[in-house]
Amino acid sequence: MPRVSIIMGIYNCANTLPEAIESILNQTFSDWEMIMCDDGSSDGTYEVAKKYITQYPDKFILLHNKKNMGLNHTLNRCLAVARGEYIARMDGDDTSLPLRFEREVAFLDEHPQYAIVSTPMHYFDKEGIFRSGTGGGEPSIETMARSTPFCHAPCMVRAEAYRAVNGYSEDPKRLRVEDWDLWVRMYERGYRGYVLKEPLYMMRDDRNATARRKFKYRINEARVTISAIRRLHLSTKNYIWIVRPIIVGLLPKGIYSVLHKRKMRQN
């Protein structure tokens, strides 16, 4: 039985999936299985994934949704067959640095008081890395009201914590905030997490992109803030954070674009 189960929802990422998978094959820690679930792709993603199943039948499991069901449902399908003590996330258009799993497994082995470990991310495009996240330490529980304290894609979580909260919520009111909601529910059960200082994950992004979330997803952010305050018995002063995603969602496109580009230039 593998120590680590990697769960990955894949959707229309045929061009980037080989690089993502190769980054897992190049990990210094090798006691893992990867469970991929194709979410109704139309670009040949499923066929690309099948090649790895043929080449490495003992390392990969491939599932398939007949139609697009969304990330939450897709990850839950992966969780249903995962056998590992630890569950690692991965996305089909990103890459993991070679030491990622070695570092995360060692941390969870040595710190039984934590159920979640994540790392900052490097953001890159075809021109290279243009931004690097920062982190380190145990986030204050109060941060749960403001935003997700852990990057989702580079996280590794004890399987028991996933089981305790029945995986990802498939409620439409948790779309695009499934990770934040997951942490809130795990923290409610007494689980805690930690962020390593070293970025161990490469997230593919566009430094010039100005597209923003649909307003309904900003509303979902506000809903998770309310959930965090109530479930974790946080200070009522945190209710002020409910308005932030609403304001961001209502900003004129020009102002949002300027603020987003400024953020992308920060290191």
Protein backbone atom coordinates (compact mmCIF):
# COMPACT_ATOMS: atom_id res chain seq x y z
CA MET A 1 0.00 0.00 0.00
CA PRO A 2 1.49 3.39 -0.98
CA ARG A 3 2.14 5.99 1.69
CA VAL A 4 0.95 8.86 -0.50
CA SER A 5 -2.05 9.04 -2.82
CA ILE A 6 -1.95 11.93 -5.28
CA ILE A 7 -5.38 13.11 -6.40
CA MET A 8 -5.70 15.12 -9.59
CA GLY A 9 -8.73 16.27 -11.51
CA ILE A 10 -7.79 16.76 -15.16
CA TYR A 11 -9.77 18.78 -17.67
CA ASN A 12 -8.65 19.97 -21.11
CA CYS A 13 -4.98 20.01 -20.18
CA ALA A 14 -3.56 17.68 -22.84
CA ASN A 15 -0.68 20.02 -23.65
CA THR A 16 0.53 20.47 -20.07
CA LEU A 17 -0.36 17.12 -18.50
CA PRO A 18 2.85 15.30 -19.54
CA GLU A 19 4.99 17.94 -17.81
CA ALA A 20 2.84 17.70 -14.68
CA ILE A 21 3.08 13.90 -14.56
CA GLU A 22 6.82 13.88 -15.28
CA SER A 23 7.33 16.17 -12.29
CA ILE A 24 5.73 13.47 -10.13
CA LEU A 25 7.81 10.71 -11.69
CA ASN A 26 10.89 12.80 -10.87
CA GLN A 27 10.10 13.09 -7.16
CA THR A 28 12.86 11.99 -4.79
CA PHE A 29 10.13 10.28 -2.71
CA SER A 30 8.77 7.33 -4.68
CA ASP A 31 6.23 5.54 -2.45
CA TRP A 32 3.13 6.99 -4.10
CA GLU A 33 0.17 6.28 -6.34
CA MET A 34 -1.45 8.86 -8.60
CA ILE A 35 -5.19 8.89 -9.14
CA MET A 36 -6.35 10.98 -12.08
CA CYS A 37 -9.98 11.64 -12.95
CA ASP A 38 -10.74 13.14 -16.34
CA ASP A 39 -13.68 15.51 -16.01
CA GLY A 40 -15.17 15.12 -19.46
CA SER A 41 -12.31 16.64 -21.45
CA SER A 42 -12.69 17.36 -25.16
CA ASP A 43 -9.03 17.88 -26.14
CA GLY A 44 -7.47 14.45 -25.77
CA THR A 45 -6.52 14.77 -22.11
CA TYR A 46 -7.93 11.33 -21.32
CA GLU A 47 -5.87 9.72 -24.09
CA VAL A 48 -2.69 11.39 -22.82
CA ALA A 49 -3.37 10.08 -19.32
CA LYS A 50 -4.02 6.55 -20.62
CA LYS A 51 -0.48 6.35 -21.98
CA TYR A 52 0.89 6.64 -18.46
CA ILE A 53 -1.51 3.98 -17.21
CA THR A 54 -0.09 1.63 -19.84
CA GLN A 55 3.50 2.54 -19.06
CA TYR A 56 3.21 2.55 -15.26
CA PRO A 57 0.24 0.32 -14.35
CA ASP A 58 1.34 -0.02 -10.72
CA LYS A 59 1.61 3.74 -10.15
CA PHE A 60 -1.40 5.28 -11.88
CA ILE A 61 -5.17 4.91 -11.66
CA LEU A 62 -7.38 6.64 -14.24
CA LEU A 63 -11.05 7.48 -13.74
CA HIS A 64 -13.39 9.21 -16.17
CA ASN A 65 -16.49 11.37 -15.87
CA LYS A 66 -18.81 11.01 -18.87
CA LYS A 67 -19.64 14.71 -18.57
CA ASN A 68 -18.07 17.66 -16.82
CA MET A 69 -18.95 17.42 -13.12
CA GLY A 70 -16.65 20.04 -11.60
CA LEU A 71 -13.52 19.80 -9.49
CA ASN A 72 -15.22 19.05 -6.17
CA HIS A 73 -17.01 15.94 -7.44
CA THR A 74 -13.97 14.85 -9.43
CA LEU A 75 -11.63 15.02 -6.44
CA ASN A 76 -14.13 13.09 -4.33
CA ARG A 77 -14.06 10.30 -6.91
CA CYS A 78 -10.28 10.20 -6.54
CA LEU A 79 -10.54 10.15 -2.75
CA ALA A 80 -12.91 7.18 -2.90
CA VAL A 81 -10.17 4.92 -4.28
CA ALA A 82 -7.15 6.49 -2.57
CA ARG A 83 -5.22 4.06 -0.34
CA GLY A 84 -2.46 6.26 1.03
CA GLU A 85 -1.87 7.43 4.57
CA TYR A 86 -1.36 10.91 3.14
CA ILE A 87 -3.29 12.62 0.34
CA ALA A 88 -1.42 15.02 -1.94
CA ARG A 89 -2.98 17.41 -4.44
CA MET A 90 -1.73 18.21 -7.90
CA ASP A 91 -3.11 20.06 -10.92
CA GLY A 92 -2.70 19.04 -14.54
CA ASP A 93 -1.14 22.28 -15.75
CA ASP A 94 1.39 22.74 -12.92
CA THR A 95 4.57 21.02 -11.77
CA SER A 96 5.95 19.88 -8.42
CA LEU A 97 9.60 20.46 -7.60
CA PRO A 98 11.57 17.21 -7.01
CA LEU A 99 11.81 17.52 -3.22
CA ARG A 100 8.15 18.37 -2.63
CA PHE A 101 6.90 14.96 -1.42
CA GLU A 102 10.07 14.18 0.50
CA ARG A 103 9.74 17.43 2.45
CA GLU A 104 6.00 17.13 3.07
CA VAL A 105 6.06 13.47 4.13
CA ALA A 106 8.97 14.14 6.49
CA PHE A 107 7.09 17.05 8.05
CA LEU A 108 3.91 15.06 8.70
CA ASP A 109 5.91 12.10 10.00
CA GLU A 110 7.78 14.33 12.44
CA HIS A 111 4.84 16.53 13.49
CA PRO A 112 1.81 14.39 14.38
CA GLN A 113 0.03 17.48 15.76
CA TYR A 114 -0.53 18.71 12.19
CA ALA A 115 -2.84 17.16 9.60
CA ILE A 116 -2.20 19.64 6.78
CA VAL A 117 1.06 20.82 5.27
CA SER A 118 1.42 23.10 2.28
CA THR A 119 4.04 25.30 0.68
CA PRO A 120 4.23 28.64 -1.13
CA MET A 121 4.20 28.53 -4.93
CA HIS A 122 6.30 29.90 -7.77
CA TYR A 123 4.11 31.44 -10.49
CA PHE A 124 5.39 30.96 -14.03
CA ASP A 125 4.53 31.37 -17.68
CA LYS A 126 6.38 30.74 -20.94
CA GLU A 127 8.91 33.43 -20.00
CA GLY A 128 9.71 31.89 -16.62
CA ILE A 129 8.96 32.59 -12.97
CA PHE A 130 7.47 36.04 -12.45
CA ARG A 131 6.34 35.82 -8.84
CA SER A 132 7.05 33.69 -5.77
CA GLY A 133 4.77 33.28 -2.80
CA THR A 134 5.95 33.49 0.77
CA GLY A 135 4.92 31.65 3.89
CA GLY A 136 6.07 29.74 6.89
CA GLY A 137 4.57 28.65 10.16
CA GLU A 138 1.16 27.84 11.57
CA PRO A 139 -1.51 30.28 10.41
CA SER A 140 -3.63 31.96 13.06
CA ILE A 141 -7.10 30.48 13.19
CA GLU A 142 -8.44 34.03 12.75
CA THR A 143 -7.07 34.06 9.18
CA MET A 144 -9.75 31.53 8.25
CA ALA A 145 -12.25 34.39 8.12
CA ARG A 146 -10.19 36.36 5.58
CA SER A 147 -8.96 33.81 3.06
CA THR A 148 -7.62 30.31 2.65
CA PRO A 149 -4.43 29.97 4.72
CA PHE A 150 -3.06 27.08 2.65
CA CYS A 151 -2.33 26.83 -1.06
CA HIS A 152 -4.49 23.94 -2.22
CA ALA A 153 -2.51 22.45 -5.11
CA PRO A 154 0.76 21.87 -3.16
CA CYS A 155 -0.91 20.56 -0.01
CA MET A 156 -0.53 17.15 1.61
CA VAL A 157 -3.15 16.06 4.15
CA ARG A 158 -3.62 13.08 6.42
CA ALA A 159 -6.25 10.80 4.89
CA GLU A 160 -8.03 10.57 8.24
CA ALA A 161 -8.73 14.32 8.12
CA TYR A 162 -10.38 13.97 4.70
CA ARG A 163 -12.48 11.09 5.98
CA ALA A 164 -13.51 13.03 9.08
CA VAL A 165 -15.18 15.72 6.95
CA ASN A 166 -16.38 13.45 4.11
CA GLY A 167 -14.11 15.06 1.54
CA TYR A 168 -14.99 18.08 -0.54
CA SER A 169 -18.39 19.73 -0.38
CA GLU A 170 -20.29 19.43 -3.65
CA ASP A 171 -22.69 22.21 -2.69
CA PRO A 172 -22.81 24.79 -5.54
CA LYS A 173 -22.35 27.45 -2.85
CA ARG A 174 -18.83 26.10 -2.35
CA LEU A 175 -17.73 26.20 -5.99
CA ARG A 176 -14.29 27.81 -6.43
CA VAL A 177 -13.87 27.95 -2.66
CA GLU A 178 -13.79 24.18 -2.06
CA ASP A 179 -10.32 24.27 -0.49
CA TRP A 180 -11.09 27.13 1.91
CA ASP A 181 -14.30 25.38 2.96
CA LEU A 182 -12.37 22.13 3.43
CA TRP A 183 -9.88 23.76 5.82
CA VAL A 184 -12.68 25.37 7.83
CA ARG A 185 -14.39 22.03 8.32
CA MET A 186 -11.12 20.29 9.22
CA TYR A 187 -10.27 23.01 11.73
CA GLU A 188 -13.74 22.63 13.22
CA ARG A 189 -12.85 18.97 13.87
CA GLY A 190 -9.64 20.00 15.63
CA TYR A 191 -7.16 19.41 12.80
CA ARG A 192 -4.42 21.98 12.23
CA GLY A 193 -1.98 22.84 9.47
CA TYR A 194 1.41 24.33 8.74
CA VAL A 195 3.04 26.14 5.82
CA LEU A 196 6.65 25.34 4.93
CA LYS A 197 8.85 28.30 4.00
CA GLU A 198 10.29 26.79 0.84
CA PRO A 199 8.23 27.04 -2.39
CA LEU A 200 7.97 23.49 -3.72
CA TYR A 201 5.32 23.93 -6.40
CA MET A 202 5.17 25.68 -9.77
CA MET A 203 1.79 27.14 -10.73
CA ARG A 204 1.25 27.99 -14.38
CA ASP A 205 -0.30 31.44 -14.63
CA ASP A 206 -0.51 34.46 -16.94
CA ARG A 207 1.16 37.59 -15.63
CA ASN A 208 -0.90 39.70 -18.03
CA ALA A 209 -4.29 38.11 -17.41
CA THR A 210 -7.05 40.45 -16.29
CA ALA A 211 -9.98 38.02 -16.19
CA ARG A 212 -11.65 37.84 -12.81
CA ARG A 213 -13.96 35.54 -10.95
CA LYS A 214 -17.65 35.62 -11.68
CA PHE A 215 -19.59 37.58 -9.09
CA LYS A 216 -21.38 34.44 -7.89
CA TYR A 217 -18.02 33.03 -6.80
CA ARG A 218 -17.31 36.23 -4.85
CA ILE A 219 -20.58 35.58 -3.05
CA ASN A 220 -19.33 32.07 -2.28
CA GLU A 221 -16.21 33.62 -0.69
CA ALA A 222 -18.45 35.68 1.58
CA ARG A 223 -20.39 32.54 2.48
CA VAL A 224 -17.23 30.74 3.57
CA THR A 225 -16.24 33.73 5.71
CA ILE A 226 -19.56 33.46 7.53
CA SER A 227 -19.13 29.69 7.85
CA ALA A 228 -15.63 30.10 9.30
CA ILE A 229 -16.75 32.64 11.89
CA ARG A 230 -19.64 30.46 13.03
CA ARG A 231 -17.98 27.04 12.91
CA LEU A 232 -14.72 28.16 14.52
CA HIS A 233 -16.29 30.63 16.96
CA LEU A 234 -14.15 33.49 15.70
CA SER A 235 -14.42 37.08 16.88
CA THR A 236 -17.45 38.94 15.52
CA LYS A 237 -15.10 41.68 14.28
CA ASN A 238 -14.25 39.28 11.45
CA TYR A 239 -17.66 39.88 9.87
CA ILE A 240 -16.07 42.92 8.25
CA TRP A 241 -14.32 40.52 5.86
CA ILE A 242 -17.65 39.55 4.31
CA VAL A 243 -17.71 42.77 2.30
CA ARG A 244 -14.23 42.43 0.77
CA PRO A 245 -15.07 39.88 -1.96
CA ILE A 246 -18.25 41.81 -2.73
CA ILE A 247 -16.30 45.04 -3.21
CA VAL A 248 -13.71 43.29 -5.39
CA GLY A 249 -16.48 41.78 -7.47
CA LEU A 250 -18.06 45.20 -8.02
CA LEU A 251 -14.86 47.05 -8.98
CA PRO A 252 -14.85 48.53 -12.49
CA LYS A 253 -12.83 46.36 -14.86
CA GLY A 254 -10.18 49.03 -15.40
CA ILE A 255 -9.47 49.45 -11.69
CA TYR A 256 -9.44 45.70 -11.13
CA SER A 257 -6.98 45.27 -14.00
CA VAL A 258 -4.57 47.85 -12.55
CA LEU A 259 -4.69 46.27 -9.08
CA HIS A 260 -4.24 42.75 -10.46
CA LYS A 261 -1.23 43.71 -12.58
CA ARG A 262 0.35 45.46 -9.60
CA LYS A 263 -0.10 42.27 -7.55
CA MET A 264 1.50 40.17 -10.30
CA ARG A 265 4.57 42.41 -10.29
CA GLN A 266 5.14 41.92 -6.57
CA ASN A 267 7.70 39.34 -5.41
